[in-house]
Amino acid sequence: MKIIIVGGGKLARYLTETLVKFDNDYEIILIEQVEEIGAEIANRFESVKVLHGDGTDIKVLADAEADGADYYIALTGKDEDNLVGCHIAKTVFHVRNTVAHVNNPSNIELFELLNVDHVHSRAVILADIIEQDIAQEGMRVIYNIPNQRTNILEIELSPSSAAVGKTLAEYKFPEKTLVALIIHTDGSSEVPRGSSLMRKGDRLLLVSSSEYYEDIYDALVAQG
């Protein structure tokens, strides 16, 4: 498997180290513009081919024999370079998978729009970790719907919530929040209907956006 990594920062070095340890059959080519950094990486990883140059330069990618490579992984500190590099790798060199790290999460949509195969942001990953951490407080994200802002939450209905003792039709949930399933304290589950009654301790699976998490927590989970 041929993997091209662009950028020689900490993230690229960690990835390279992991890949080298994981499988010696990987052919790894790393492209770095700063010659001293490239030399350091070459000395550290003997099995990695290091090229000095710009990962968005067609000549440099040709020297890396990028045509038909399995992965082009853009890990520079500039989103515009990562985007352009992925585009060239896909359209000119027919790389099977393009992967980009996005430094500014607001650029994720643009990367996806231009068909970068895999887009990752450390800021978003950290936010997901924080979202998962609220599980101990009676609310957790159990599924992030790909390419959507919508997620599936599991909440435990607080005894003090105004929803207790009301049917789904009677209670107004935060905007654009839907109930997908009700799991009662006796272990039985119920496909929600307007007449479904909510009881303290019930677990509700909700489909909602992260912008409503605080409202959901305050209305349904927080102890009054």
N, C-alpha and C. Protein backbone atom coordinates (compact mmCIF):
# COMPACT_ATOMS: atom_id res chain seq x y z
N MET A 1 0.84 -1.20 0.00
CA MET A 1 0.00 0.00 0.00
C MET A 1 0.88 1.25 0.00
N LYS A 2 0.63 2.15 -0.95
CA LYS A 2 1.42 3.38 -1.03
C LYS A 2 0.67 4.53 -0.36
N ILE A 3 1.36 5.18 0.58
CA ILE A 3 0.78 6.28 1.34
C ILE A 3 1.67 7.50 1.21
N ILE A 4 1.09 8.61 0.77
CA ILE A 4 1.82 9.87 0.65
C ILE A 4 1.34 10.80 1.76
N ILE A 5 2.26 11.26 2.57
CA ILE A 5 1.95 12.18 3.66
C ILE A 5 2.59 13.53 3.34
N VAL A 6 1.81 14.58 3.41
CA VAL A 6 2.32 15.92 3.11
C VAL A 6 2.35 16.74 4.40
N GLY A 7 3.54 17.22 4.75
CA GLY A 7 3.71 17.95 5.99
C GLY A 7 4.56 17.15 6.96
N GLY A 8 5.40 17.86 7.70
CA GLY A 8 6.30 17.17 8.62
C GLY A 8 6.14 17.60 10.06
N GLY A 9 4.94 18.08 10.41
CA GLY A 9 4.68 18.51 11.78
C GLY A 9 4.48 17.34 12.73
N LYS A 10 4.07 17.65 13.95
CA LYS A 10 3.92 16.63 14.99
C LYS A 10 2.89 15.58 14.60
N LEU A 11 1.77 16.02 14.00
CA LEU A 11 0.73 15.07 13.62
C LEU A 11 1.25 14.10 12.55
N ALA A 12 1.98 14.62 11.58
CA ALA A 12 2.54 13.79 10.52
C ALA A 12 3.56 12.81 11.08
N ARG A 13 4.36 13.26 12.01
CA ARG A 13 5.38 12.39 12.59
C ARG A 13 4.73 11.27 13.41
N TYR A 14 3.71 11.63 14.15
CA TYR A 14 3.03 10.61 14.94
C TYR A 14 2.37 9.57 14.02
N LEU A 15 1.73 10.05 12.96
CA LEU A 15 1.10 9.13 12.01
C LEU A 15 2.15 8.23 11.36
N THR A 16 3.25 8.82 10.96
CA THR A 16 4.32 8.04 10.32
C THR A 16 4.85 6.96 11.27
N GLU A 17 5.10 7.35 12.50
CA GLU A 17 5.60 6.39 13.49
C GLU A 17 4.61 5.25 13.70
N THR A 18 3.33 5.58 13.76
CA THR A 18 2.29 4.57 13.94
C THR A 18 2.24 3.61 12.76
N LEU A 19 2.29 4.16 11.55
CA LEU A 19 2.22 3.32 10.35
C LEU A 19 3.45 2.42 10.23
N VAL A 20 4.60 2.95 10.56
CA VAL A 20 5.83 2.15 10.48
C VAL A 20 5.77 0.98 11.46
N LYS A 21 5.25 1.24 12.65
CA LYS A 21 5.14 0.18 13.65
C LYS A 21 4.06 -0.84 13.27
N PHE A 22 3.02 -0.34 12.63
CA PHE A 22 1.86 -1.19 12.35
C PHE A 22 2.12 -2.20 11.25
N ASP A 23 2.80 -1.78 10.19
CA ASP A 23 2.96 -2.68 9.04
C ASP A 23 4.17 -2.25 8.23
N ASN A 24 5.15 -3.13 8.12
CA ASN A 24 6.36 -2.81 7.36
C ASN A 24 6.13 -2.85 5.85
N ASP A 25 4.97 -3.35 5.43
CA ASP A 25 4.69 -3.45 4.00
C ASP A 25 4.20 -2.13 3.40
N TYR A 26 3.92 -1.14 4.26
CA TYR A 26 3.49 0.16 3.74
C TYR A 26 4.66 0.85 3.05
N GLU A 27 4.37 1.41 1.87
CA GLU A 27 5.35 2.28 1.22
C GLU A 27 4.94 3.72 1.54
N ILE A 28 5.75 4.36 2.37
CA ILE A 28 5.40 5.70 2.86
C ILE A 28 6.34 6.73 2.25
N ILE A 29 5.75 7.73 1.62
CA ILE A 29 6.50 8.86 1.07
C ILE A 29 6.03 10.12 1.79
N LEU A 30 6.96 10.83 2.41
CA LEU A 30 6.61 12.06 3.12
C LEU A 30 7.20 13.26 2.38
N ILE A 31 6.38 14.26 2.17
CA ILE A 31 6.81 15.47 1.46
C ILE A 31 6.82 16.64 2.44
N GLU A 32 7.96 17.31 2.53
CA GLU A 32 8.11 18.42 3.48
C GLU A 32 8.92 19.55 2.83
N GLN A 33 8.43 20.78 3.03
CA GLN A 33 9.08 21.93 2.38
C GLN A 33 10.35 22.36 3.10
N VAL A 34 10.40 22.22 4.41
CA VAL A 34 11.58 22.66 5.17
C VAL A 34 12.61 21.53 5.16
N GLU A 35 13.73 21.79 4.55
CA GLU A 35 14.71 20.73 4.32
C GLU A 35 15.22 20.11 5.61
N GLU A 36 15.46 20.94 6.62
CA GLU A 36 15.99 20.42 7.89
C GLU A 36 15.00 19.46 8.56
N ILE A 37 13.70 19.80 8.48
CA ILE A 37 12.68 18.92 9.08
C ILE A 37 12.61 17.61 8.32
N GLY A 38 12.67 17.69 7.00
CA GLY A 38 12.65 16.49 6.18
C GLY A 38 13.84 15.58 6.48
N ALA A 39 15.03 16.20 6.65
CA ALA A 39 16.22 15.41 6.94
C ALA A 39 16.10 14.71 8.30
N GLU A 40 15.52 15.42 9.26
CA GLU A 40 15.33 14.83 10.59
C GLU A 40 14.41 13.62 10.53
N ILE A 41 13.31 13.75 9.76
CA ILE A 41 12.36 12.64 9.62
C ILE A 41 13.00 11.47 8.90
N ALA A 42 13.79 11.77 7.86
CA ALA A 42 14.48 10.71 7.10
C ALA A 42 15.44 9.94 7.99
N ASN A 43 16.13 10.64 8.88
CA ASN A 43 17.06 9.98 9.80
C ASN A 43 16.32 9.13 10.83
N ARG A 44 15.15 9.58 11.21
CA ARG A 44 14.39 8.88 12.24
C ARG A 44 13.70 7.63 11.68
N PHE A 45 13.21 7.73 10.45
CA PHE A 45 12.47 6.60 9.87
C PHE A 45 13.17 6.16 8.58
N GLU A 46 14.01 5.15 8.69
CA GLU A 46 14.82 4.72 7.55
C GLU A 46 13.97 4.18 6.40
N SER A 47 12.82 3.60 6.73
CA SER A 47 11.98 2.99 5.69
C SER A 47 11.11 4.00 4.96
N VAL A 48 11.11 5.25 5.40
CA VAL A 48 10.26 6.29 4.81
C VAL A 48 11.06 7.10 3.80
N LYS A 49 10.52 7.25 2.61
CA LYS A 49 11.14 8.08 1.59
C LYS A 49 10.69 9.52 1.80
N VAL A 50 11.64 10.42 1.98
CA VAL A 50 11.32 11.83 2.25
C VAL A 50 11.73 12.68 1.05
N LEU A 51 10.79 13.47 0.58
CA LEU A 51 11.05 14.38 -0.53
C LEU A 51 10.95 15.82 -0.05
N HIS A 52 11.88 16.65 -0.53
CA HIS A 52 11.86 18.08 -0.20
C HIS A 52 11.07 18.81 -1.28
N GLY A 53 9.97 19.48 -0.86
CA GLY A 53 9.19 20.21 -1.84
C GLY A 53 7.79 20.51 -1.36
N ASP A 54 6.98 21.02 -2.28
CA ASP A 54 5.61 21.43 -2.01
C ASP A 54 4.66 20.29 -2.41
N GLY A 55 3.86 19.85 -1.47
CA GLY A 55 2.94 18.74 -1.73
C GLY A 55 1.81 19.07 -2.68
N THR A 56 1.70 20.34 -3.10
CA THR A 56 0.71 20.72 -4.11
C THR A 56 1.34 20.88 -5.50
N ASP A 57 2.65 20.65 -5.58
CA ASP A 57 3.39 20.81 -6.84
C ASP A 57 3.29 19.51 -7.64
N ILE A 58 2.80 19.61 -8.86
CA ILE A 58 2.61 18.42 -9.70
C ILE A 58 3.93 17.70 -9.94
N LYS A 59 5.03 18.45 -10.15
CA LYS A 59 6.33 17.82 -10.38
C LYS A 59 6.77 17.03 -9.14
N VAL A 60 6.57 17.60 -7.97
CA VAL A 60 6.96 16.91 -6.74
C VAL A 60 6.15 15.63 -6.56
N LEU A 61 4.86 15.71 -6.86
CA LEU A 61 4.00 14.53 -6.74
C LEU A 61 4.37 13.48 -7.79
N ALA A 62 4.81 13.95 -8.95
CA ALA A 62 5.27 12.99 -9.96
C ALA A 62 6.54 12.29 -9.48
N ASP A 63 7.44 13.06 -8.84
CA ASP A 63 8.66 12.47 -8.28
C ASP A 63 8.32 11.45 -7.18
N ALA A 64 7.20 11.70 -6.50
CA ALA A 64 6.76 10.77 -5.45
C ALA A 64 6.03 9.57 -6.03
N GLU A 65 5.90 9.55 -7.36
CA GLU A 65 5.17 8.48 -8.06
C GLU A 65 3.78 8.31 -7.46
N ALA A 66 3.08 9.47 -7.39
CA ALA A 66 1.77 9.51 -6.74
C ALA A 66 0.66 8.85 -7.56
N ASP A 67 0.89 8.66 -8.82
CA ASP A 67 -0.17 8.14 -9.68
C ASP A 67 -0.68 6.79 -9.17
N GLY A 68 -1.97 6.74 -8.85
CA GLY A 68 -2.58 5.50 -8.39
C GLY A 68 -2.28 5.14 -6.96
N ALA A 69 -1.69 6.06 -6.19
CA ALA A 69 -1.39 5.77 -4.78
C ALA A 69 -2.68 5.48 -4.01
N ASP A 70 -2.52 4.79 -2.90
CA ASP A 70 -3.70 4.43 -2.10
C ASP A 70 -4.20 5.60 -1.26
N TYR A 71 -3.26 6.39 -0.71
CA TYR A 71 -3.65 7.51 0.15
C TYR A 71 -2.77 8.72 -0.11
N TYR A 72 -3.42 9.87 -0.14
CA TYR A 72 -2.73 11.17 -0.07
C TYR A 72 -3.26 11.84 1.19
N ILE A 73 -2.39 12.07 2.16
CA ILE A 73 -2.81 12.58 3.47
C ILE A 73 -2.18 13.95 3.67
N ALA A 74 -3.01 15.00 3.69
CA ALA A 74 -2.54 16.37 3.79
C ALA A 74 -2.60 16.84 5.24
N LEU A 75 -1.43 17.12 5.82
CA LEU A 75 -1.35 17.47 7.24
C LEU A 75 -0.57 18.76 7.46
N THR A 76 -0.61 19.67 6.51
CA THR A 76 0.09 20.94 6.69
C THR A 76 -0.74 21.87 7.58
N GLY A 77 -0.15 22.97 7.97
CA GLY A 77 -0.86 23.93 8.81
C GLY A 77 -1.72 24.90 8.03
N LYS A 78 -1.78 24.74 6.71
CA LYS A 78 -2.57 25.64 5.87
C LYS A 78 -3.69 24.88 5.20
N ASP A 79 -4.92 25.24 5.52
CA ASP A 79 -6.08 24.55 4.94
C ASP A 79 -6.11 24.66 3.42
N GLU A 80 -5.72 25.81 2.89
CA GLU A 80 -5.78 25.99 1.44
C GLU A 80 -4.82 25.03 0.73
N ASP A 81 -3.65 24.80 1.34
CA ASP A 81 -2.70 23.85 0.75
C ASP A 81 -3.23 22.43 0.84
N ASN A 82 -3.82 22.10 1.96
CA ASN A 82 -4.38 20.75 2.13
C ASN A 82 -5.49 20.48 1.12
N LEU A 83 -6.32 21.49 0.90
CA LEU A 83 -7.43 21.34 -0.05
C LEU A 83 -6.93 21.20 -1.48
N VAL A 84 -6.02 22.09 -1.88
CA VAL A 84 -5.47 22.04 -3.24
C VAL A 84 -4.73 20.73 -3.48
N GLY A 85 -3.94 20.31 -2.49
CA GLY A 85 -3.19 19.07 -2.63
C GLY A 85 -4.09 17.87 -2.83
N CYS A 86 -5.16 17.79 -2.04
CA CYS A 86 -6.11 16.69 -2.19
C CYS A 86 -6.78 16.70 -3.55
N HIS A 87 -7.12 17.90 -4.01
CA HIS A 87 -7.78 18.02 -5.32
C HIS A 87 -6.87 17.55 -6.44
N ILE A 88 -5.60 17.98 -6.40
CA ILE A 88 -4.65 17.57 -7.44
C ILE A 88 -4.40 16.06 -7.36
N ALA A 89 -4.25 15.56 -6.14
CA ALA A 89 -3.99 14.12 -5.98
C ALA A 89 -5.13 13.30 -6.58
N LYS A 90 -6.35 13.73 -6.38
CA LYS A 90 -7.51 12.98 -6.86
C LYS A 90 -7.71 13.14 -8.37
N THR A 91 -7.61 14.35 -8.87
CA THR A 91 -7.97 14.62 -10.26
C THR A 91 -6.83 14.38 -11.25
N VAL A 92 -5.59 14.63 -10.82
CA VAL A 92 -4.45 14.49 -11.72
C VAL A 92 -3.78 13.13 -11.57
N PHE A 93 -3.67 12.68 -10.32
CA PHE A 93 -2.91 11.46 -10.07
C PHE A 93 -3.80 10.27 -9.70
N HIS A 94 -5.09 10.50 -9.65
CA HIS A 94 -6.06 9.41 -9.42
C HIS A 94 -5.77 8.62 -8.15
N VAL A 95 -5.39 9.34 -7.10
CA VAL A 95 -5.16 8.70 -5.80
C VAL A 95 -6.50 8.16 -5.29
N ARG A 96 -6.46 6.97 -4.75
CA ARG A 96 -7.71 6.29 -4.37
C ARG A 96 -8.43 6.99 -3.22
N ASN A 97 -7.68 7.42 -2.21
CA ASN A 97 -8.28 8.08 -1.04
C ASN A 97 -7.50 9.34 -0.71
N THR A 98 -8.22 10.44 -0.54
CA THR A 98 -7.59 11.68 -0.07
C THR A 98 -8.07 11.95 1.35
N VAL A 99 -7.13 12.36 2.18
CA VAL A 99 -7.42 12.64 3.59
C VAL A 99 -6.83 13.99 3.93
N ALA A 100 -7.61 14.83 4.62
CA ALA A 100 -7.11 16.16 4.97
C ALA A 100 -7.40 16.47 6.42
N HIS A 101 -6.40 17.06 7.07
CA HIS A 101 -6.65 17.65 8.37
C HIS A 101 -7.05 19.10 8.15
N VAL A 102 -8.15 19.52 8.78
CA VAL A 102 -8.65 20.88 8.64
C VAL A 102 -8.37 21.64 9.94
N ASN A 103 -7.61 22.71 9.82
CA ASN A 103 -7.24 23.48 11.00
C ASN A 103 -8.39 24.35 11.50
N ASN A 104 -9.16 24.88 10.57
CA ASN A 104 -10.32 25.71 10.91
C ASN A 104 -11.59 24.92 10.64
N PRO A 105 -12.33 24.51 11.67
CA PRO A 105 -13.52 23.67 11.46
C PRO A 105 -14.55 24.27 10.51
N SER A 106 -14.56 25.58 10.38
CA SER A 106 -15.54 26.21 9.48
C SER A 106 -15.25 25.88 8.02
N ASN A 107 -14.07 25.33 7.73
CA ASN A 107 -13.73 24.96 6.36
C ASN A 107 -14.13 23.54 6.00
N ILE A 108 -14.62 22.78 6.97
CA ILE A 108 -14.94 21.37 6.73
C ILE A 108 -15.93 21.22 5.58
N GLU A 109 -16.95 22.04 5.57
CA GLU A 109 -17.98 21.94 4.54
C GLU A 109 -17.40 22.13 3.15
N LEU A 110 -16.44 23.05 3.01
CA LEU A 110 -15.80 23.29 1.71
C LEU A 110 -15.02 22.06 1.26
N PHE A 111 -14.28 21.45 2.17
CA PHE A 111 -13.52 20.24 1.84
C PHE A 111 -14.46 19.13 1.38
N GLU A 112 -15.57 18.96 2.09
CA GLU A 112 -16.53 17.92 1.72
C GLU A 112 -17.18 18.23 0.38
N LEU A 113 -17.45 19.52 0.14
CA LEU A 113 -18.06 19.94 -1.12
C LEU A 113 -17.16 19.62 -2.31
N LEU A 114 -15.85 19.71 -2.09
CA LEU A 114 -14.89 19.45 -3.16
C LEU A 114 -14.40 18.00 -3.15
N ASN A 115 -15.19 17.14 -2.49
CA ASN A 115 -15.03 15.69 -2.58
C ASN A 115 -13.72 15.15 -2.01
N VAL A 116 -13.20 15.81 -0.97
CA VAL A 116 -12.11 15.17 -0.22
C VAL A 116 -12.71 13.98 0.51
N ASP A 117 -12.09 12.82 0.39
CA ASP A 117 -12.72 11.59 0.88
C ASP A 117 -12.90 11.55 2.39
N HIS A 118 -11.88 12.01 3.12
CA HIS A 118 -11.94 11.96 4.59
C HIS A 118 -11.42 13.29 5.13
N VAL A 119 -12.25 13.95 5.93
CA VAL A 119 -11.89 15.25 6.49
C VAL A 119 -11.91 15.15 8.02
N HIS A 120 -10.83 15.62 8.64
CA HIS A 120 -10.73 15.53 10.09
C HIS A 120 -10.28 16.86 10.67
N SER A 121 -10.78 17.16 11.85
CA SER A 121 -10.40 18.37 12.57
C SER A 121 -10.19 18.03 14.03
N ARG A 122 -9.03 18.38 14.57
CA ARG A 122 -8.78 18.10 15.98
C ARG A 122 -9.77 18.83 16.87
N ALA A 123 -10.17 20.04 16.46
CA ALA A 123 -11.12 20.79 17.26
C ALA A 123 -12.46 20.07 17.36
N VAL A 124 -12.91 19.50 16.23
CA VAL A 124 -14.18 18.77 16.23
C VAL A 124 -14.07 17.49 17.04
N ILE A 125 -12.92 16.80 16.92
CA ILE A 125 -12.70 15.58 17.70
C ILE A 125 -12.75 15.89 19.19
N LEU A 126 -12.12 16.99 19.60
CA LEU A 126 -12.15 17.38 21.01
C LEU A 126 -13.57 17.70 21.46
N ALA A 127 -14.33 18.37 20.58
CA ALA A 127 -15.72 18.69 20.92
C ALA A 127 -16.53 17.42 21.11
N ASP A 128 -16.28 16.41 20.25
CA ASP A 128 -16.99 15.14 20.38
C ASP A 128 -16.64 14.46 21.70
N ILE A 129 -15.36 14.56 22.10
CA ILE A 129 -14.95 13.97 23.37
C ILE A 129 -15.68 14.63 24.52
N ILE A 130 -15.81 15.95 24.46
CA ILE A 130 -16.52 16.68 25.50
C ILE A 130 -17.99 16.28 25.53
N GLU A 131 -18.58 16.12 24.33
CA GLU A 131 -19.97 15.70 24.26
C GLU A 131 -20.16 14.33 24.90
N GLN A 132 -19.20 13.42 24.63
CA GLN A 132 -19.30 12.09 25.21
C GLN A 132 -19.16 12.14 26.72
N ASP A 133 -18.40 13.12 27.22
CA ASP A 133 -18.12 13.19 28.65
C ASP A 133 -19.36 13.52 29.47
N ILE A 134 -20.39 14.09 28.82
CA ILE A 134 -21.59 14.42 29.59
C ILE A 134 -22.44 13.19 29.88
N ALA A 135 -21.95 12.01 29.45
CA ALA A 135 -22.70 10.77 29.70
C ALA A 135 -22.93 10.57 31.19
N GLN A 136 -21.93 10.90 32.02
CA GLN A 136 -22.07 10.67 33.44
C GLN A 136 -23.12 11.58 34.08
N GLU A 137 -23.55 12.58 33.35
CA GLU A 137 -24.56 13.49 33.87
C GLU A 137 -25.97 13.12 33.40
N GLY A 138 -26.10 11.96 32.75
CA GLY A 138 -27.43 11.51 32.33
C GLY A 138 -27.77 11.82 30.89
N MET A 139 -26.77 12.19 30.12
CA MET A 139 -27.00 12.51 28.72
C MET A 139 -25.75 12.19 27.93
N ARG A 140 -25.90 11.53 26.80
CA ARG A 140 -24.73 11.21 26.00
C ARG A 140 -25.08 11.14 24.52
N VAL A 141 -24.09 11.42 23.70
CA VAL A 141 -24.22 11.27 22.26
C VAL A 141 -23.90 9.82 21.92
N ILE A 142 -24.85 9.11 21.31
CA ILE A 142 -24.59 7.71 20.99
C ILE A 142 -24.31 7.50 19.51
N TYR A 143 -24.60 8.49 18.68
CA TYR A 143 -24.29 8.34 17.26
C TYR A 143 -24.22 9.71 16.60
N ASN A 144 -23.11 9.94 15.90
CA ASN A 144 -22.97 11.15 15.09
C ASN A 144 -23.33 10.81 13.65
N ILE A 145 -24.37 11.40 13.14
CA ILE A 145 -24.82 11.11 11.78
C ILE A 145 -23.84 11.75 10.79
N PRO A 146 -23.20 10.94 9.91
CA PRO A 146 -22.18 11.47 9.00
C PRO A 146 -22.70 12.61 8.13
N ASN A 147 -21.84 13.62 7.99
CA ASN A 147 -22.10 14.76 7.11
C ASN A 147 -23.34 15.56 7.50
N GLN A 148 -23.74 15.43 8.75
CA GLN A 148 -24.89 16.17 9.25
C GLN A 148 -24.54 16.81 10.59
N ARG A 149 -25.26 17.85 10.95
CA ARG A 149 -25.09 18.43 12.29
C ARG A 149 -25.95 17.70 13.30
N THR A 150 -26.77 16.77 12.81
CA THR A 150 -27.73 16.07 13.66
C THR A 150 -27.10 14.83 14.28
N ASN A 151 -27.39 14.60 15.56
CA ASN A 151 -26.88 13.44 16.28
C ASN A 151 -28.03 12.73 17.00
N ILE A 152 -27.74 11.52 17.48
CA ILE A 152 -28.70 10.80 18.30
C ILE A 152 -28.21 10.81 19.74
N LEU A 153 -29.04 11.31 20.63
CA LEU A 153 -28.72 11.42 22.05
C LEU A 153 -29.51 10.40 22.85
N GLU A 154 -28.93 9.98 23.96
CA GLU A 154 -29.68 9.20 24.94
C GLU A 154 -29.72 10.03 26.23
N ILE A 155 -30.90 10.27 26.74
CA ILE A 155 -31.03 11.04 27.98
C ILE A 155 -31.85 10.22 28.99
N GLU A 156 -31.59 10.47 30.26
CA GLU A 156 -32.40 9.87 31.32
C GLU A 156 -33.29 10.95 31.91
N LEU A 157 -34.58 10.71 31.89
CA LEU A 157 -35.55 11.73 32.27
C LEU A 157 -35.51 11.97 33.78
N SER A 158 -35.19 13.19 34.15
CA SER A 158 -35.11 13.56 35.56
C SER A 158 -36.49 13.56 36.21
N PRO A 159 -36.60 13.12 37.47
CA PRO A 159 -37.89 13.16 38.16
C PRO A 159 -38.49 14.56 38.25
N SER A 160 -37.61 15.57 38.22
CA SER A 160 -38.09 16.95 38.34
C SER A 160 -38.40 17.61 37.01
N SER A 161 -38.22 16.87 35.91
CA SER A 161 -38.49 17.46 34.59
C SER A 161 -39.98 17.69 34.40
N ALA A 162 -40.32 18.76 33.73
CA ALA A 162 -41.72 19.07 33.44
C ALA A 162 -42.32 18.08 32.45
N ALA A 163 -41.47 17.27 31.81
CA ALA A 163 -41.97 16.28 30.85
C ALA A 163 -42.58 15.06 31.55
N VAL A 164 -42.20 14.82 32.79
CA VAL A 164 -42.68 13.64 33.52
C VAL A 164 -44.20 13.73 33.69
N GLY A 165 -44.89 12.64 33.34
CA GLY A 165 -46.34 12.60 33.48
C GLY A 165 -47.08 13.16 32.28
N LYS A 166 -46.34 13.61 31.27
CA LYS A 166 -46.98 14.16 30.08
C LYS A 166 -46.79 13.20 28.90
N THR A 167 -47.70 13.28 27.95
CA THR A 167 -47.53 12.53 26.71
C THR A 167 -46.63 13.33 25.77
N LEU A 168 -46.14 12.66 24.74
CA LEU A 168 -45.30 13.35 23.77
C LEU A 168 -46.05 14.49 23.09
N ALA A 169 -47.35 14.28 22.88
CA ALA A 169 -48.16 15.32 22.23
C ALA A 169 -48.32 16.55 23.14
N GLU A 170 -48.32 16.31 24.45
CA GLU A 170 -48.54 17.40 25.39
C GLU A 170 -47.28 18.22 25.67
N TYR A 171 -46.13 17.59 25.49
CA TYR A 171 -44.88 18.26 25.88
C TYR A 171 -44.18 18.84 24.64
N LYS A 172 -43.70 20.07 24.77
CA LYS A 172 -42.99 20.71 23.67
C LYS A 172 -41.49 20.57 23.86
N PHE A 173 -40.87 19.78 23.00
CA PHE A 173 -39.43 19.59 23.03
C PHE A 173 -38.74 20.77 22.35
N PRO A 174 -37.42 20.95 22.63
CA PRO A 174 -36.68 22.00 21.92
C PRO A 174 -36.84 21.84 20.41
N GLU A 175 -36.77 22.94 19.71
CA GLU A 175 -37.02 22.98 18.27
C GLU A 175 -36.23 21.91 17.51
N LYS A 176 -36.89 21.25 16.57
CA LYS A 176 -36.29 20.26 15.67
C LYS A 176 -35.75 19.04 16.41
N THR A 177 -36.25 18.79 17.61
CA THR A 177 -35.86 17.60 18.36
C THR A 177 -36.96 16.56 18.26
N LEU A 178 -36.61 15.35 17.85
CA LEU A 178 -37.57 14.27 17.68
C LEU A 178 -37.24 13.12 18.62
N VAL A 179 -38.27 12.44 19.12
CA VAL A 179 -38.09 11.27 19.97
C VAL A 179 -38.11 10.03 19.09
N ALA A 180 -37.02 9.26 19.13
CA ALA A 180 -36.91 8.07 18.29
C ALA A 180 -37.33 6.80 19.02
N LEU A 181 -37.16 6.78 20.35
CA LEU A 181 -37.49 5.58 21.12
C LEU A 181 -37.61 5.95 22.59
N ILE A 182 -38.52 5.28 23.28
CA ILE A 182 -38.65 5.42 24.73
C ILE A 182 -38.33 4.08 25.38
N ILE A 183 -37.40 4.08 26.33
CA ILE A 183 -37.05 2.86 27.05
C ILE A 183 -37.45 3.07 28.52
N HIS A 184 -38.42 2.31 28.98
CA HIS A 184 -38.95 2.49 30.32
C HIS A 184 -38.06 1.82 31.35
N THR A 185 -38.27 2.17 32.61
CA THR A 185 -37.42 1.66 33.70
C THR A 185 -37.56 0.15 33.89
N ASP A 186 -38.66 -0.44 33.43
CA ASP A 186 -38.83 -1.89 33.55
C ASP A 186 -38.15 -2.65 32.40
N GLY A 187 -37.46 -1.90 31.52
CA GLY A 187 -36.74 -2.52 30.42
C GLY A 187 -37.51 -2.60 29.13
N SER A 188 -38.81 -2.34 29.18
CA SER A 188 -39.61 -2.37 27.94
C SER A 188 -39.34 -1.11 27.13
N SER A 189 -39.50 -1.24 25.82
CA SER A 189 -39.28 -0.09 24.94
C SER A 189 -40.55 0.20 24.15
N GLU A 190 -40.66 1.41 23.69
CA GLU A 190 -41.88 1.85 23.02
C GLU A 190 -41.55 2.75 21.85
N VAL A 191 -42.08 2.41 20.70
CA VAL A 191 -41.96 3.30 19.55
C VAL A 191 -42.86 4.50 19.82
N PRO A 192 -42.31 5.70 19.79
CA PRO A 192 -43.08 6.87 20.24
C PRO A 192 -44.31 7.18 19.40
N ARG A 193 -45.39 7.50 20.11
CA ARG A 193 -46.63 8.02 19.50
C ARG A 193 -47.03 9.24 20.30
N GLY A 194 -47.96 9.98 19.78
CA GLY A 194 -48.41 11.17 20.50
C GLY A 194 -48.95 10.85 21.88
N SER A 195 -49.53 9.67 22.05
CA SER A 195 -50.13 9.29 23.34
C SER A 195 -49.13 8.66 24.31
N SER A 196 -47.87 8.49 23.88
CA SER A 196 -46.86 7.86 24.75
C SER A 196 -46.61 8.73 25.98
N LEU A 197 -46.69 8.10 27.15
CA LEU A 197 -46.52 8.81 28.41
C LEU A 197 -45.08 8.70 28.89
N MET A 198 -44.51 9.82 29.31
CA MET A 198 -43.13 9.84 29.80
C MET A 198 -43.13 9.76 31.32
N ARG A 199 -42.26 8.90 31.86
CA ARG A 199 -42.18 8.69 33.30
C ARG A 199 -40.76 8.97 33.78
N LYS A 200 -40.62 9.29 35.04
CA LYS A 200 -39.29 9.56 35.59
C LYS A 200 -38.39 8.33 35.40
N GLY A 201 -37.15 8.57 35.06
CA GLY A 201 -36.20 7.49 34.85
C GLY A 201 -36.23 6.88 33.47
N ASP A 202 -37.25 7.21 32.68
CA ASP A 202 -37.27 6.73 31.30
C ASP A 202 -36.03 7.21 30.55
N ARG A 203 -35.55 6.38 29.65
CA ARG A 203 -34.48 6.81 28.75
C ARG A 203 -35.09 7.11 27.39
N LEU A 204 -34.78 8.27 26.87
CA LEU A 204 -35.30 8.69 25.58
C LEU A 204 -34.15 8.79 24.59
N LEU A 205 -34.36 8.24 23.40
CA LEU A 205 -33.42 8.46 22.31
C LEU A 205 -33.94 9.62 21.48
N LEU A 206 -33.16 10.66 21.41
CA LEU A 206 -33.58 11.89 20.74
C LEU A 206 -32.71 12.14 19.52
N VAL A 207 -33.33 12.63 18.47
CA VAL A 207 -32.60 13.09 17.29
C VAL A 207 -32.60 14.61 17.34
N SER A 208 -31.38 15.18 17.45
CA SER A 208 -31.31 16.62 17.62
C SER A 208 -29.95 17.13 17.17
N SER A 209 -29.83 18.45 17.12
CA SER A 209 -28.58 19.10 16.75
C SER A 209 -27.86 19.57 18.00
N SER A 210 -26.54 19.68 17.92
CA SER A 210 -25.74 20.06 19.08
C SER A 210 -26.11 21.45 19.62
N GLU A 211 -26.68 22.29 18.79
CA GLU A 211 -27.04 23.63 19.25
C GLU A 211 -28.16 23.60 20.29
N TYR A 212 -28.85 22.45 20.40
CA TYR A 212 -29.95 22.35 21.36
C TYR A 212 -29.58 21.51 22.58
N TYR A 213 -28.33 21.07 22.69
CA TYR A 213 -27.93 20.21 23.80
C TYR A 213 -28.21 20.86 25.16
N GLU A 214 -27.84 22.11 25.27
CA GLU A 214 -28.01 22.78 26.56
C GLU A 214 -29.48 22.87 26.94
N ASP A 215 -30.34 23.20 25.98
CA ASP A 215 -31.78 23.28 26.25
C ASP A 215 -32.33 21.92 26.65
N ILE A 216 -31.89 20.88 25.95
CA ILE A 216 -32.36 19.52 26.26
C ILE A 216 -31.94 19.12 27.67
N TYR A 217 -30.67 19.40 27.96
CA TYR A 217 -30.16 19.01 29.30
C TYR A 217 -30.94 19.74 30.39
N ASP A 218 -31.12 21.05 30.22
CA ASP A 218 -31.80 21.84 31.26
C ASP A 218 -33.25 21.39 31.44
N ALA A 219 -33.94 21.05 30.34
CA ALA A 219 -35.37 20.74 30.41
C ALA A 219 -35.65 19.30 30.84
N LEU A 220 -34.75 18.37 30.48
CA LEU A 220 -35.08 16.96 30.65
C LEU A 220 -34.19 16.20 31.63
N VAL A 221 -32.96 16.66 31.79
CA VAL A 221 -31.98 15.87 32.55
C VAL A 221 -31.63 16.51 33.89
N ALA A 222 -31.46 17.81 33.91
CA ALA A 222 -30.99 18.48 35.13
C ALA A 222 -31.94 18.25 36.31
N GLN A 223 -31.34 18.05 37.46
CA GLN A 223 -32.14 17.84 38.67
C GLN A 223 -32.59 19.19 39.22
N GLY A 224 -33.91 19.34 39.40
CA GLY A 224 -34.43 20.62 39.90
C GLY A 224 -34.35 20.73 41.41
